[in-house]
Amino acid sequence: MATAAALLTLLLFVAVIRPAIDRGGLGEFLGIAALFIAILLGERWLRSR
């Protein structure tokens, strides 16, 4: 199971994260990641009400 997780993490980095940083820069990638985290936290807050 740990091997599969490591392989999927590597695939995510190679196929998604590295091209996003190359195309838009690290700042754009961090902005998108922060927006995604904010959405997840907002959804969690709405479900806890």
C-alpha atoms as a PDB file:
ATOM      1  CA  MET A   1       0.000   0.000   0.000  1.00  0.00           C
ATOM      2  CA  ALA A   2       2.831   2.381   0.818  1.00  0.00           C
ATOM      3  CA  THR A   3       4.432   1.638  -2.550  1.00  0.00           C
ATOM      4  CA  ALA A   4       1.215   2.529  -4.350  1.00  0.00           C
ATOM      5  CA  ALA A   5       0.955   5.785  -2.377  1.00  0.00           C
ATOM      6  CA  ALA A   6       4.540   6.699  -3.232  1.00  0.00           C
ATOM      7  CA  LEU A   7       3.975   5.925  -6.904  1.00  0.00           C
ATOM      8  CA  LEU A   8       0.789   7.991  -7.058  1.00  0.00           C
ATOM      9  CA  THR A   9       2.511  10.886  -5.270  1.00  0.00           C
ATOM     10  CA  LEU A  10       5.352  10.788  -7.772  1.00  0.00           C
ATOM     11  CA  LEU A  11       2.883  10.642 -10.656  1.00  0.00           C
ATOM     12  CA  LEU A  12       0.978  13.631  -9.237  1.00  0.00           C
ATOM     13  CA  PHE A  13       4.198  15.619  -8.982  1.00  0.00           C
ATOM     14  CA  VAL A  14       5.395  14.747 -12.490  1.00  0.00           C
ATOM     15  CA  ALA A  15       2.050  15.102 -14.275  1.00  0.00           C
ATOM     16  CA  VAL A  16       0.424  18.007 -12.410  1.00  0.00           C
ATOM     17  CA  ILE A  17       2.613  19.990 -10.044  1.00  0.00           C
ATOM     18  CA  ARG A  18       5.806  20.363 -12.074  1.00  0.00           C
ATOM     19  CA  PRO A  19       4.038  21.523 -15.279  1.00  0.00           C
ATOM     20  CA  ALA A  20       1.920  23.969 -13.263  1.00  0.00           C
ATOM     21  CA  ILE A  21       5.018  25.528 -11.717  1.00  0.00           C
ATOM     22  CA  ASP A  22       6.816  25.632 -15.094  1.00  0.00           C
ATOM     23  CA  ARG A  23       3.853  27.289 -16.815  1.00  0.00           C
ATOM     24  CA  GLY A  24       2.621  29.736 -14.189  1.00  0.00           C
ATOM     25  CA  GLY A  25       5.344  29.971 -11.607  1.00  0.00           C
ATOM     26  CA  LEU A  26       5.440  28.935  -7.996  1.00  0.00           C
ATOM     27  CA  GLY A  27       3.325  31.897  -6.876  1.00  0.00           C
ATOM     28  CA  GLU A  28       0.413  30.899  -9.089  1.00  0.00           C
ATOM     29  CA  PHE A  29       0.631  27.297  -7.911  1.00  0.00           C
ATOM     30  CA  LEU A  30       0.635  28.343  -4.258  1.00  0.00           C
ATOM     31  CA  GLY A  31      -2.356  30.620  -4.894  1.00  0.00           C
ATOM     32  CA  ILE A  32      -4.334  27.764  -6.407  1.00  0.00           C
ATOM     33  CA  ALA A  33      -3.340  25.465  -3.536  1.00  0.00           C
ATOM     34  CA  ALA A  34      -4.444  28.090  -0.988  1.00  0.00           C
ATOM     35  CA  LEU A  35      -7.786  28.495  -2.766  1.00  0.00           C
ATOM     36  CA  PHE A  36      -8.291  24.726  -2.774  1.00  0.00           C
ATOM     37  CA  ILE A  37      -7.530  24.514   0.962  1.00  0.00           C
ATOM     38  CA  ALA A  38      -9.913  27.396   1.666  1.00  0.00           C
ATOM     39  CA  ILE A  39     -12.687  25.599  -0.208  1.00  0.00           C
ATOM     40  CA  LEU A  40     -12.058  22.394   1.732  1.00  0.00           C
ATOM     41  CA  LEU A  41     -12.066  24.232   5.062  1.00  0.00           C
ATOM     42  CA  GLY A  42     -15.251  26.104   4.122  1.00  0.00           C
ATOM     43  CA  GLU A  43     -16.965  22.868   3.216  1.00  0.00           C
ATOM     44  CA  ARG A  44     -15.893  21.297   6.504  1.00  0.00           C
ATOM     45  CA  TRP A  45     -17.192  24.324   8.402  1.00  0.00           C
ATOM     46  CA  LEU A  46     -20.560  24.131   6.616  1.00  0.00           C
ATOM     47  CA  ARG A  47     -20.910  20.438   7.407  1.00  0.00           C
ATOM     48  CA  SER A  48     -20.150  20.979  11.088  1.00  0.00           C
ATOM     49  CA  ARG A  49     -23.054  23.413  11.509  1.00  0.00           C
END
